[in-house]
Amino acid sequence: MAASVRTEVAKAALRQQTIELPSWAFGNSGTRFKVFGQPGVPRDPFEKLSDAAQVHRYTGVAPRVSLHIPWDLVDDFSGLARHAEDLGVQIGMINSNVFQDDDFMLGSLAHPDPRVRAKAVDHHKQCVDVMRATGSKDLKVWLSDGLNYPGQDSIRARQDRIAESLAEIYAALDDDQHMVLEYKFFEPAFYITDVPDWGTSLLHVMALGDRAKVVLDTGHHAPGTNIEFIVAQLLRQGRLGAFDFNSRFYADDDLMVGAADPFQLFRIMHEIVSAGAHAPDSGVNFMLDQCHNIEPKIPAQIRSVMNVQEATAKALLVDVETLTAAQLSGDVLGAHAVLMDAYDTDVRPLVAELREEMGLDPNPTAAFTASGYAEKIAAERVGGAQAGWGA
């Protein structure tokens, strides 16, 4: 395929790409040392959606917003969904939260006390009700459950409890709803996390049924983990349900995607594109999961969307025919060079041209800055409690 043809094919694919935003990225966040407030931060889920809609307005590819329950609890979720539609976006995945209630100190779905497990299951059923009210089709489950000390609890029994609890939650889903199970190798537990890796997550979802898949958070792995290998394996099994995109230098830093290792992001997207999983009908949801502790929230989300777009564009420009020929002939350096040629391509003009074709400003960050929206919300959102990790 000629380079000019690859460029047009890439633009066509990028035009269909969508990236889901996390509502919590627009609230205040920080570390265990300090949470820094910023002017204009939303005070409720309605204002979070208004900010998220700005990202979609200037990028054109971020039409969905994930909610986190109970952080995004409202009295009228149907009204929240209508508000989203009025802004040109819609509610995406619903995220459960079983890590901030005192009852869950020793676990939630893995807790040794049946009462606590039932409470955790009921919370997920509440999330399913939110899905019905908002039109969401996806439930994301991340468990902070784990152990800090050997002997604290039975490792095998905890896996059995999780399996039983997940089965009850899965049974509560409607036929057109799906579940994705996230994994994380440590934190807040330090000795054992009950769902620490993709293999554990995969075993649990395969036991549930076809509508249960794995969600891969790029920051939830041990240093040096080959994430693109995990992507390839989950795609082979048809069990990659979603991404949580972010960057990490040390642990689960939740920095802007592509900031720490843009080459890794490209390698991940190469596996995605190679399997056709970037297509809208692939069943893979591309989401951001980030906390903007010191940078402005909306521009950081815009930058993150742009980073994913650019990595995808580079992956779409790989000369597949030449790469395959080099691989089959054992041309190690030739095959590597094909990938590097695509990665080294400056795709910013291509993506800027695409935005202009979509009727958008070629520079989303500059366009948002010029809009005056940041100054407007800073002046208007005075008083009340700013949203953060607890709301």
Protein backbone atom coordinates (compact mmCIF):
# COMPACT_ATOMS: atom_id res chain seq x y z
CA MET A 1 0.00 0.00 0.00
CA ALA A 2 1.40 3.39 -1.00
CA ALA A 3 2.18 5.91 1.73
CA SER A 4 -0.48 8.30 0.44
CA VAL A 5 -3.10 5.55 0.63
CA ARG A 6 -2.02 4.62 4.16
CA THR A 7 -2.46 8.25 5.16
CA GLU A 8 -6.04 8.36 3.88
CA VAL A 9 -6.83 5.03 5.52
CA ALA A 10 -5.39 6.36 8.78
CA LYS A 11 -7.51 9.50 8.60
CA ALA A 12 -10.65 7.48 7.95
CA ALA A 13 -9.93 5.30 11.00
CA LEU A 14 -9.08 8.28 13.20
CA ARG A 15 -12.34 9.96 12.21
CA GLN A 16 -14.21 7.04 13.80
CA GLN A 17 -12.06 6.77 16.92
CA THR A 18 -13.65 7.69 20.25
CA ILE A 19 -12.04 8.11 23.66
CA GLU A 20 -14.06 8.07 26.88
CA LEU A 21 -13.34 10.60 29.61
CA PRO A 22 -13.42 10.03 33.40
CA SER A 23 -15.66 12.37 35.36
CA TRP A 24 -13.22 12.32 38.28
CA ALA A 25 -10.45 13.83 36.17
CA PHE A 26 -12.25 17.17 36.40
CA GLY A 27 -12.34 17.17 40.21
CA ASN A 28 -9.57 17.94 42.66
CA SER A 29 -7.04 15.20 43.29
CA GLY A 30 -3.62 14.74 44.84
CA THR A 31 -1.57 12.39 46.96
CA ARG A 32 -1.67 11.26 50.57
CA PHE A 33 0.32 14.42 51.31
CA LYS A 34 -1.96 17.06 49.82
CA VAL A 35 -4.90 17.65 47.52
CA PHE A 36 -4.57 21.01 45.79
CA GLY A 37 -7.72 22.90 44.86
CA GLN A 38 -7.98 24.79 41.58
CA PRO A 39 -10.27 27.65 40.52
CA GLY A 40 -13.39 26.62 38.61
CA VAL A 41 -13.36 22.95 39.61
CA PRO A 42 -16.84 21.37 39.29
CA ARG A 43 -19.01 21.10 42.38
CA ASP A 44 -21.33 18.36 41.13
CA PRO A 45 -21.68 15.78 38.32
CA PHE A 46 -23.60 18.24 36.13
CA GLU A 47 -20.65 20.64 36.11
CA LYS A 48 -18.25 17.73 35.51
CA LEU A 49 -20.19 16.87 32.37
CA SER A 50 -20.08 20.50 31.24
CA ASP A 51 -16.29 20.43 31.48
CA ALA A 52 -16.03 17.08 29.75
CA ALA A 53 -18.15 18.43 26.90
CA GLN A 54 -15.47 21.06 26.30
CA VAL A 55 -12.95 18.32 25.61
CA HIS A 56 -15.28 16.78 23.04
CA ARG A 57 -16.05 20.18 21.55
CA TYR A 58 -12.41 20.84 20.71
CA THR A 59 -11.19 17.32 19.91
CA GLY A 60 -14.33 15.86 18.32
CA VAL A 61 -13.54 12.33 19.56
CA ALA A 62 -14.52 12.29 23.25
CA PRO A 63 -18.31 11.83 23.26
CA ARG A 64 -18.67 9.68 26.41
CA VAL A 65 -18.06 10.30 30.11
CA SER A 66 -17.51 7.59 32.73
CA LEU A 67 -19.21 8.04 36.09
CA HIS A 68 -17.92 6.88 39.48
CA ILE A 69 -20.44 5.81 42.11
CA PRO A 70 -20.89 7.18 44.80
CA TRP A 71 -18.75 10.15 43.74
CA ASP A 72 -21.27 11.01 41.02
CA LEU A 73 -24.50 10.22 42.86
CA VAL A 74 -27.45 12.45 41.95
CA ASP A 75 -31.15 12.28 42.74
CA ASP A 76 -32.15 12.00 39.08
CA PHE A 77 -29.83 10.01 36.84
CA SER A 78 -32.25 10.25 33.92
CA GLY A 79 -31.95 14.01 34.25
CA LEU A 80 -28.17 13.74 34.33
CA ALA A 81 -28.28 11.70 31.12
CA ARG A 82 -30.49 14.33 29.48
CA HIS A 83 -28.05 17.03 30.61
CA ALA A 84 -25.24 15.09 28.95
CA GLU A 85 -27.22 14.80 25.72
CA ASP A 86 -27.92 18.55 25.76
CA LEU A 87 -24.15 19.08 25.94
CA GLY A 88 -23.49 16.74 23.00
CA VAL A 89 -22.07 13.87 25.05
CA GLN A 90 -23.45 10.78 26.77
CA ILE A 91 -22.90 8.71 29.89
CA GLY A 92 -20.38 5.93 29.37
CA MET A 93 -19.10 3.27 31.73
CA ILE A 94 -20.28 3.14 35.36
CA ASN A 95 -17.48 2.55 37.88
CA SER A 96 -18.17 0.97 41.25
CA ASN A 97 -16.39 2.04 44.42
CA VAL A 98 -15.77 -0.47 47.21
CA PHE A 99 -12.60 1.07 48.61
CA GLN A 100 -13.74 4.08 50.66
CA ASP A 101 -16.23 2.57 53.12
CA ASP A 102 -14.94 1.58 56.56
CA ASP A 103 -16.70 -1.77 56.23
CA PHE A 104 -14.34 -2.62 53.36
CA MET A 105 -11.10 -2.25 55.34
CA LEU A 106 -10.46 -6.01 55.09
CA GLY A 107 -11.97 -6.38 51.63
CA SER A 108 -15.27 -6.13 49.82
CA LEU A 109 -16.18 -9.06 47.57
CA ALA A 110 -13.40 -11.09 49.24
CA HIS A 111 -14.26 -10.10 52.82
CA PRO A 112 -14.61 -13.03 55.26
CA ASP A 113 -17.87 -11.61 56.66
CA PRO A 114 -20.91 -12.49 54.50
CA ARG A 115 -22.64 -9.27 55.60
CA VAL A 116 -19.85 -7.13 54.18
CA ARG A 117 -19.76 -9.13 50.95
CA ALA A 118 -23.50 -8.70 50.57
CA LYS A 119 -23.09 -4.94 51.08
CA ALA A 120 -20.46 -4.84 48.33
CA VAL A 121 -22.65 -6.87 45.97
CA ASP A 122 -25.59 -4.56 46.68
CA HIS A 123 -23.46 -1.56 45.78
CA HIS A 124 -22.75 -3.09 42.39
CA LYS A 125 -26.44 -3.74 41.90
CA GLN A 126 -27.01 -0.07 42.64
CA CYS A 127 -24.51 0.69 39.87
CA VAL A 128 -26.53 -1.53 37.52
CA ASP A 129 -29.60 0.57 38.37
CA VAL A 130 -27.58 3.67 37.45
CA MET A 131 -26.73 2.01 34.15
CA ARG A 132 -30.40 1.47 33.40
CA ALA A 133 -31.27 5.08 34.24
CA THR A 134 -28.46 6.58 32.16
CA GLY A 135 -28.43 4.15 29.23
CA SER A 136 -24.92 2.93 30.08
CA LYS A 137 -24.08 -0.58 28.91
CA ASP A 138 -20.87 -1.22 30.84
CA LEU A 139 -20.02 -1.81 34.50
CA LYS A 140 -16.40 -1.55 35.59
CA VAL A 141 -15.27 -3.40 38.70
CA TRP A 142 -11.97 -2.65 40.42
CA LEU A 143 -11.31 -4.26 43.79
CA SER A 144 -8.83 -2.87 46.29
CA ASP A 145 -9.21 -6.17 48.19
CA GLY A 146 -6.01 -7.75 49.40
CA LEU A 147 -3.79 -8.66 52.33
CA ASN A 148 -0.95 -6.89 54.08
CA TYR A 149 0.44 -9.86 56.00
CA PRO A 150 0.94 -13.59 55.41
CA GLY A 151 -1.68 -15.59 57.26
CA GLN A 152 -4.08 -12.65 57.49
CA ASP A 153 -6.70 -14.61 55.52
CA SER A 154 -6.96 -17.64 53.26
CA ILE A 155 -5.75 -16.80 49.74
CA ARG A 156 -7.85 -19.56 48.15
CA ALA A 157 -10.98 -18.76 50.13
CA ARG A 158 -10.81 -15.13 49.06
CA GLN A 159 -10.72 -16.16 45.41
CA ASP A 160 -13.78 -18.34 45.97
CA ARG A 161 -15.63 -15.46 47.63
CA ILE A 162 -14.78 -13.12 44.77
CA ALA A 163 -15.96 -15.67 42.21
CA GLU A 164 -19.28 -16.14 44.02
CA SER A 165 -19.82 -12.40 44.42
CA LEU A 166 -18.94 -11.61 40.81
CA ALA A 167 -21.38 -14.28 39.64
CA GLU A 168 -24.18 -12.63 41.62
CA ILE A 169 -23.34 -9.22 40.14
CA TYR A 170 -23.10 -10.63 36.62
CA ALA A 171 -26.50 -12.26 37.02
CA ALA A 172 -27.97 -8.85 37.89
CA LEU A 173 -26.94 -7.38 34.52
CA ASP A 174 -29.47 -7.00 31.71
CA ASP A 175 -28.87 -9.04 28.57
CA ASP A 176 -27.41 -6.03 26.73
CA GLN A 177 -25.11 -4.96 29.59
CA HIS A 178 -21.48 -5.92 30.13
CA MET A 179 -18.96 -6.14 32.94
CA VAL A 180 -15.23 -5.48 32.84
CA LEU A 181 -12.89 -6.52 35.65
CA GLU A 182 -9.80 -4.44 36.33
CA TYR A 183 -6.57 -5.67 37.92
CA LYS A 184 -3.73 -3.97 39.79
CA PHE A 185 -0.55 -5.59 41.06
CA PHE A 186 -0.39 -3.73 44.40
CA GLU A 187 -1.84 -0.83 46.43
CA PRO A 188 -3.56 -0.32 48.73
CA ALA A 189 -2.73 -3.90 49.77
CA PHE A 190 0.96 -4.74 49.89
CA TYR A 191 1.38 -8.49 50.46
CA ILE A 192 -1.33 -9.75 48.12
CA THR A 193 -3.86 -8.04 45.90
CA ASP A 194 -6.77 -10.36 45.21
CA VAL A 195 -6.98 -9.44 41.51
CA PRO A 196 -3.35 -8.54 40.83
CA ASP A 197 -2.83 -9.42 37.18
CA TRP A 198 -4.46 -10.06 33.83
CA GLY A 199 -4.44 -13.82 34.32
CA THR A 200 -6.48 -13.64 37.51
CA SER A 201 -8.90 -11.21 35.94
CA LEU A 202 -9.19 -13.38 32.83
CA LEU A 203 -9.93 -16.53 34.84
CA HIS A 204 -12.73 -14.77 36.72
CA VAL A 205 -14.40 -13.27 33.64
CA MET A 206 -14.16 -16.48 31.64
CA ALA A 207 -16.06 -18.23 34.43
CA LEU A 208 -18.82 -15.59 34.23
CA GLY A 209 -19.76 -15.55 30.55
CA ASP A 210 -19.26 -13.83 27.22
CA ARG A 211 -20.37 -10.42 28.48
CA ALA A 212 -17.52 -10.23 31.00
CA LYS A 213 -14.10 -9.03 29.90
CA VAL A 214 -10.84 -7.62 31.24
CA VAL A 215 -10.03 -3.93 31.52
CA LEU A 216 -6.34 -3.04 31.25
CA ASP A 217 -5.06 0.00 33.14
CA THR A 218 -1.66 0.92 31.73
CA GLY A 219 -0.43 2.05 35.17
CA HIS A 220 -1.40 -1.13 37.04
CA HIS A 221 1.66 -3.25 36.22
CA ALA A 222 5.04 -3.93 37.74
CA PRO A 223 7.91 -1.91 36.23
CA GLY A 224 9.19 -3.46 33.03
CA THR A 225 5.99 -5.37 32.24
CA ASN A 226 5.47 -5.87 28.51
CA ILE A 227 1.95 -4.48 28.29
CA GLU A 228 1.58 -4.97 24.55
CA PHE A 229 2.08 -8.72 25.09
CA ILE A 230 -0.87 -8.71 27.50
CA VAL A 231 -2.92 -6.76 24.95
CA ALA A 232 -2.14 -9.32 22.26
CA GLN A 233 -3.07 -12.24 24.50
CA LEU A 234 -6.38 -10.74 25.63
CA LEU A 235 -7.27 -9.88 22.04
CA ARG A 236 -6.55 -13.48 21.00
CA GLN A 237 -9.10 -14.65 23.55
CA GLY A 238 -11.63 -11.94 22.67
CA ARG A 239 -11.52 -10.79 26.28
CA LEU A 240 -10.08 -7.27 26.13
CA GLY A 241 -13.03 -5.10 27.07
CA ALA A 242 -11.49 -1.72 27.79
CA PHE A 243 -8.39 0.35 28.41
CA ASP A 244 -7.72 2.78 31.22
CA PHE A 245 -5.06 4.98 29.65
CA ASN A 246 -2.56 6.86 31.80
CA SER A 247 1.19 7.09 32.43
CA ARG A 248 3.37 6.01 35.32
CA PHE A 249 6.99 6.49 36.34
CA TYR A 250 6.96 4.50 39.58
CA ALA A 251 3.57 3.14 40.68
CA ASP A 252 -0.02 3.98 39.78
CA ASP A 253 0.84 7.61 39.05
CA ASP A 254 -2.24 8.32 36.86
CA LEU A 255 -0.32 10.90 34.84
CA MET A 256 -1.31 11.96 31.33
CA VAL A 257 -1.21 9.08 28.87
CA GLY A 258 1.92 9.08 26.72
CA ALA A 259 3.77 11.44 29.04
CA ALA A 260 6.14 8.87 30.55
CA ASP A 261 6.71 6.47 27.66
CA PRO A 262 5.16 7.48 24.33
CA PHE A 263 6.94 4.60 22.59
CA GLN A 264 5.14 2.12 24.84
CA LEU A 265 1.81 3.73 23.95
CA PHE A 266 2.68 3.38 20.26
CA ARG A 267 3.58 -0.30 20.73
CA ILE A 268 0.26 -0.92 22.48
CA MET A 269 -1.67 0.81 19.72
CA HIS A 270 0.25 -1.18 17.10
CA GLU A 271 -1.11 -4.39 18.64
CA ILE A 272 -4.58 -2.86 18.74
CA VAL A 273 -4.47 -1.78 15.11
CA SER A 274 -2.93 -5.08 13.99
CA ALA A 275 -5.96 -6.88 15.42
CA GLY A 276 -8.47 -4.34 14.09
CA ALA A 277 -9.46 -3.58 17.68
CA HIS A 278 -9.42 0.17 17.05
CA ALA A 279 -12.61 -0.12 15.01
CA PRO A 280 -15.81 1.16 16.67
CA ASP A 281 -17.44 -2.28 16.47
CA SER A 282 -14.49 -4.12 18.07
CA GLY A 283 -16.02 -4.07 21.54
CA VAL A 284 -12.90 -2.47 23.04
CA ASN A 285 -13.58 0.78 24.91
CA PHE A 286 -10.74 3.30 25.03
CA MET A 287 -10.89 5.38 28.19
CA LEU A 288 -8.71 7.75 30.15
CA ASP A 289 -8.20 7.17 33.88
CA GLN A 290 -6.12 10.04 35.16
CA CYS A 291 -5.83 12.51 38.01
CA HIS A 292 -4.56 16.00 37.27
CA ASN A 293 -3.07 17.02 40.59
CA ILE A 294 -1.13 20.13 39.54
CA GLU A 295 -2.10 20.77 35.90
CA PRO A 296 -5.36 22.39 34.72
CA LYS A 297 -8.00 19.69 34.30
CA ILE A 298 -9.63 20.42 30.93
CA PRO A 299 -6.41 21.21 29.01
CA ALA A 300 -4.84 18.06 30.49
CA GLN A 301 -7.71 15.94 29.21
CA ILE A 302 -7.46 17.59 25.79
CA ARG A 303 -3.71 16.90 25.69
CA SER A 304 -4.32 13.28 26.71
CA VAL A 305 -6.87 12.72 23.95
CA MET A 306 -4.41 14.21 21.46
CA ASN A 307 -1.67 11.86 22.70
CA VAL A 308 -3.87 8.81 22.10
CA GLN A 309 -4.84 10.14 18.67
CA GLU A 310 -1.22 10.65 17.67
CA ALA A 311 -0.12 7.21 18.89
CA THR A 312 -3.00 5.65 16.98
CA ALA A 313 -2.12 7.59 13.86
CA LYS A 314 1.46 6.31 13.99
CA ALA A 315 0.24 2.75 14.43
CA LEU A 316 -2.05 3.16 11.44
CA LEU A 317 0.89 4.31 9.30
CA VAL A 318 2.91 1.12 9.80
CA ASP A 319 3.74 -0.41 6.41
CA VAL A 320 2.12 -3.76 7.17
CA GLU A 321 3.13 -5.46 3.93
CA THR A 322 6.80 -4.58 4.32
CA LEU A 323 6.73 -5.45 8.01
CA THR A 324 5.17 -8.86 7.38
CA ALA A 325 7.66 -9.66 4.62
CA ALA A 326 10.57 -8.76 6.87
CA GLN A 327 9.17 -10.85 9.73
CA LEU A 328 8.60 -13.92 7.57
CA SER A 329 12.06 -13.70 6.05
CA GLY A 330 13.77 -13.32 9.42
CA ASP A 331 14.96 -9.77 8.69
CA VAL A 332 15.25 -8.64 12.31
CA LEU A 333 16.58 -5.14 11.70
CA GLY A 334 14.36 -4.58 8.68
CA ALA A 335 11.23 -5.43 10.65
CA HIS A 336 12.31 -3.22 13.53
CA ALA A 337 13.04 -0.38 11.12
CA VAL A 338 9.49 -0.50 9.73
CA LEU A 339 8.05 0.03 13.18
CA MET A 340 10.54 2.78 13.99
CA ASP A 341 9.80 4.58 10.72
CA ALA A 342 6.13 4.77 11.69
CA TYR A 343 6.91 5.82 15.26
CA ASP A 344 9.31 8.54 14.11
CA THR A 345 6.71 10.03 11.75
CA ASP A 346 5.47 13.48 12.78
CA VAL A 347 1.73 12.86 12.60
CA ARG A 348 0.69 16.22 14.02
CA PRO A 349 0.04 17.74 10.57
CA LEU A 350 -2.08 14.71 9.61
CA VAL A 351 -4.22 14.94 12.75
CA ALA A 352 -4.51 18.74 12.42
CA GLU A 353 -5.71 18.32 8.84
CA LEU A 354 -8.24 15.75 9.99
CA ARG A 355 -9.61 18.18 12.58
CA GLU A 356 -10.05 20.86 9.95
CA GLU A 357 -11.92 18.38 7.77
CA MET A 358 -14.18 17.71 10.78
CA GLY A 359 -14.86 21.43 11.16
CA LEU A 360 -12.65 21.78 14.22
CA ASP A 361 -9.76 24.04 15.09
CA PRO A 362 -6.49 22.25 14.19
CA ASN A 363 -5.08 23.16 17.62
CA PRO A 364 -7.57 22.07 20.31
CA THR A 365 -5.50 23.37 23.23
CA ALA A 366 -5.14 26.85 21.76
CA ALA A 367 -8.80 26.93 20.76
CA PHE A 368 -9.93 26.04 24.28
CA THR A 369 -7.61 28.64 25.82
CA ALA A 370 -8.95 31.30 23.47
CA SER A 371 -12.57 30.41 24.31
CA GLY A 372 -12.40 31.98 27.76
CA TYR A 373 -14.23 29.00 29.30
CA ALA A 374 -11.62 28.52 32.05
CA GLU A 375 -11.95 32.13 33.17
CA LYS A 376 -15.74 31.90 32.98
CA ILE A 377 -16.07 28.89 35.29
CA ALA A 378 -13.47 30.29 37.70
CA ALA A 379 -15.63 33.39 38.08
CA GLU A 380 -18.95 31.55 38.24
CA ARG A 381 -18.12 28.55 40.43
CA VAL A 382 -17.68 30.38 43.68
CA GLY A 383 -18.97 28.80 46.87
CA GLY A 384 -20.01 25.24 47.51
CA ALA A 385 -17.76 22.20 47.85
CA GLN A 386 -15.48 21.38 44.96
CA ALA A 387 -15.64 17.82 43.68
CA GLY A 388 -12.78 15.52 44.54
CA TRP A 389 -11.98 11.95 45.48
CA GLY A 390 -14.74 11.90 48.05
CA ALA A 391 -17.51 13.32 45.84
